[in-house]
Amino acid sequence: MSELHIELKRIIIESLDLEDISIDDIMDDEALFVEGLGLDSIDALEIGLALQKRYGIKIKASAEETRQHFYSVNTLAALVAPYQ
């Protein structure tokens, strides 16, 4: 697991106040929304805001590609990597 993956998992846990979830509970390729971790659209907004704040990424909430980027930790890492 890369440092970026660990950092993204921390961002997810902290921005959503997931007290019962640890970094090891989140699989890199597991779906974050609906099935998998079970997050919802409000959670996506919170994560998006945290990523914008941390990395300066501009995210369009309505874009289909945004949905693809938010699928898993791996896809979030691919989105964030150029901004590190």
C-alpha atoms as a PDB file:
ATOM      1  CA  MET A   1       0.000   0.000   0.000  1.00  0.00           C
ATOM      2  CA  SER A   2       1.511   3.321  -1.069  1.00  0.00           C
ATOM      3  CA  GLU A   3       1.739   6.425   1.089  1.00  0.00           C
ATOM      4  CA  LEU A   4      -0.831   8.091  -1.178  1.00  0.00           C
ATOM      5  CA  HIS A   5      -3.309   5.256  -0.603  1.00  0.00           C
ATOM      6  CA  ILE A   6      -2.815   5.520   3.161  1.00  0.00           C
ATOM      7  CA  GLU A   7      -3.253   9.293   3.045  1.00  0.00           C
ATOM      8  CA  LEU A   8      -6.458   8.992   0.991  1.00  0.00           C
ATOM      9  CA  LYS A   9      -7.866   6.452   3.427  1.00  0.00           C
ATOM     10  CA  ARG A  10      -7.068   8.820   6.301  1.00  0.00           C
ATOM     11  CA  ILE A  11      -8.837  11.634   4.465  1.00  0.00           C
ATOM     12  CA  ILE A  12     -11.914   9.451   3.958  1.00  0.00           C
ATOM     13  CA  ILE A  13     -11.983   8.354   7.598  1.00  0.00           C
ATOM     14  CA  GLU A  14     -11.353  11.818   9.039  1.00  0.00           C
ATOM     15  CA  SER A  15     -13.606  13.820   6.712  1.00  0.00           C
ATOM     16  CA  LEU A  16     -16.510  11.432   7.348  1.00  0.00           C
ATOM     17  CA  ASP A  17     -15.804  10.810  11.055  1.00  0.00           C
ATOM     18  CA  LEU A  18     -15.771   7.036  10.501  1.00  0.00           C
ATOM     19  CA  GLU A  19     -14.838   6.056  14.045  1.00  0.00           C
ATOM     20  CA  ASP A  20     -15.399   2.318  13.564  1.00  0.00           C
ATOM     21  CA  ILE A  21     -13.343   2.067  10.357  1.00  0.00           C
ATOM     22  CA  SER A  22      -9.550   1.747  10.191  1.00  0.00           C
ATOM     23  CA  ILE A  23      -7.192   2.169   7.255  1.00  0.00           C
ATOM     24  CA  ASP A  24      -6.904  -1.622   7.031  1.00  0.00           C
ATOM     25  CA  ASP A  25     -10.695  -1.947   6.692  1.00  0.00           C
ATOM     26  CA  ILE A  26     -10.712  -0.049   3.389  1.00  0.00           C
ATOM     27  CA  MET A  27      -9.538  -2.125   0.430  1.00  0.00           C
ATOM     28  CA  ASP A  28      -7.762  -0.248  -2.375  1.00  0.00           C
ATOM     29  CA  ASP A  29      -9.932  -1.704  -5.142  1.00  0.00           C
ATOM     30  CA  GLU A  30     -13.213  -1.983  -3.212  1.00  0.00           C
ATOM     31  CA  ALA A  31     -16.168   0.197  -4.182  1.00  0.00           C
ATOM     32  CA  LEU A  32     -16.542   3.153  -1.834  1.00  0.00           C
ATOM     33  CA  PHE A  33     -20.198   3.872  -2.610  1.00  0.00           C
ATOM     34  CA  VAL A  34     -23.375   1.779  -2.305  1.00  0.00           C
ATOM     35  CA  GLU A  35     -21.814  -1.687  -2.052  1.00  0.00           C
ATOM     36  CA  GLY A  36     -18.349  -1.918  -0.573  1.00  0.00           C
ATOM     37  CA  LEU A  37     -17.842   0.760   2.060  1.00  0.00           C
ATOM     38  CA  GLY A  38     -21.445   1.908   1.608  1.00  0.00           C
ATOM     39  CA  LEU A  39     -20.906   5.649   1.290  1.00  0.00           C
ATOM     40  CA  ASP A  40     -23.516   7.975  -0.242  1.00  0.00           C
ATOM     41  CA  SER A  41     -23.609  11.210  -2.267  1.00  0.00           C
ATOM     42  CA  ILE A  42     -23.262  13.433   0.810  1.00  0.00           C
ATOM     43  CA  ASP A  43     -20.135  11.483   1.732  1.00  0.00           C
ATOM     44  CA  ALA A  44     -18.822  12.062  -1.801  1.00  0.00           C
ATOM     45  CA  LEU A  45     -19.252  15.809  -1.348  1.00  0.00           C
ATOM     46  CA  GLU A  46     -17.349  15.709   1.943  1.00  0.00           C
ATOM     47  CA  ILE A  47     -14.518  13.691   0.414  1.00  0.00           C
ATOM     48  CA  GLY A  48     -14.446  15.996  -2.607  1.00  0.00           C
ATOM     49  CA  LEU A  49     -14.151  19.068  -0.379  1.00  0.00           C
ATOM     50  CA  ALA A  50     -11.352  17.435   1.613  1.00  0.00           C
ATOM     51  CA  LEU A  51      -9.461  16.579  -1.595  1.00  0.00           C
ATOM     52  CA  GLN A  52      -9.920  20.101  -2.947  1.00  0.00           C
ATOM     53  CA  LYS A  53      -8.601  21.551   0.299  1.00  0.00           C
ATOM     54  CA  ARG A  54      -5.628  19.156   0.572  1.00  0.00           C
ATOM     55  CA  TYR A  55      -4.541  18.946  -3.089  1.00  0.00           C
ATOM     56  CA  GLY A  56      -6.133  21.967  -4.787  1.00  0.00           C
ATOM     57  CA  ILE A  57      -8.059  19.710  -7.159  1.00  0.00           C
ATOM     58  CA  LYS A  58     -11.062  21.183  -8.963  1.00  0.00           C
ATOM     59  CA  ILE A  59     -13.813  18.559  -9.042  1.00  0.00           C
ATOM     60  CA  LYS A  60     -17.023  18.876 -11.033  1.00  0.00           C
ATOM     61  CA  ALA A  61     -19.762  17.179  -9.028  1.00  0.00           C
ATOM     62  CA  SER A  62     -21.970  16.473 -12.036  1.00  0.00           C
ATOM     63  CA  ALA A  63     -19.290  15.100 -14.381  1.00  0.00           C
ATOM     64  CA  GLU A  64     -19.509  11.381 -15.187  1.00  0.00           C
ATOM     65  CA  GLU A  65     -15.727  11.086 -14.957  1.00  0.00           C
ATOM     66  CA  THR A  66     -15.928  12.309 -11.343  1.00  0.00           C
ATOM     67  CA  ARG A  67     -18.097   9.302 -10.534  1.00  0.00           C
ATOM     68  CA  GLN A  68     -15.448   7.054 -12.040  1.00  0.00           C
ATOM     69  CA  HIS A  69     -12.654   8.761 -10.062  1.00  0.00           C
ATOM     70  CA  PHE A  70     -14.555   8.239  -6.811  1.00  0.00           C
ATOM     71  CA  TYR A  71     -15.149   4.517  -7.382  1.00  0.00           C
ATOM     72  CA  SER A  72     -12.314   3.257  -5.140  1.00  0.00           C
ATOM     73  CA  VAL A  73      -9.142   4.307  -3.366  1.00  0.00           C
ATOM     74  CA  ASN A  74      -7.173   3.194  -6.439  1.00  0.00           C
ATOM     75  CA  THR A  75      -9.178   5.469  -8.743  1.00  0.00           C
ATOM     76  CA  LEU A  76      -8.911   8.362  -6.274  1.00  0.00           C
ATOM     77  CA  ALA A  77      -5.140   7.829  -6.167  1.00  0.00           C
ATOM     78  CA  ALA A  78      -4.980   8.062  -9.958  1.00  0.00           C
ATOM     79  CA  LEU A  79      -6.902  11.363  -9.782  1.00  0.00           C
ATOM     80  CA  VAL A  80      -4.763  12.834  -6.988  1.00  0.00           C
ATOM     81  CA  ALA A  81      -1.288  11.623  -8.045  1.00  0.00           C
ATOM     82  CA  PRO A  82      -0.596  14.472 -10.504  1.00  0.00           C
ATOM     83  CA  TYR A  83      -1.400  17.043  -7.783  1.00  0.00           C
ATOM     84  CA  GLN A  84       1.076  15.775  -5.209  1.00  0.00           C
END
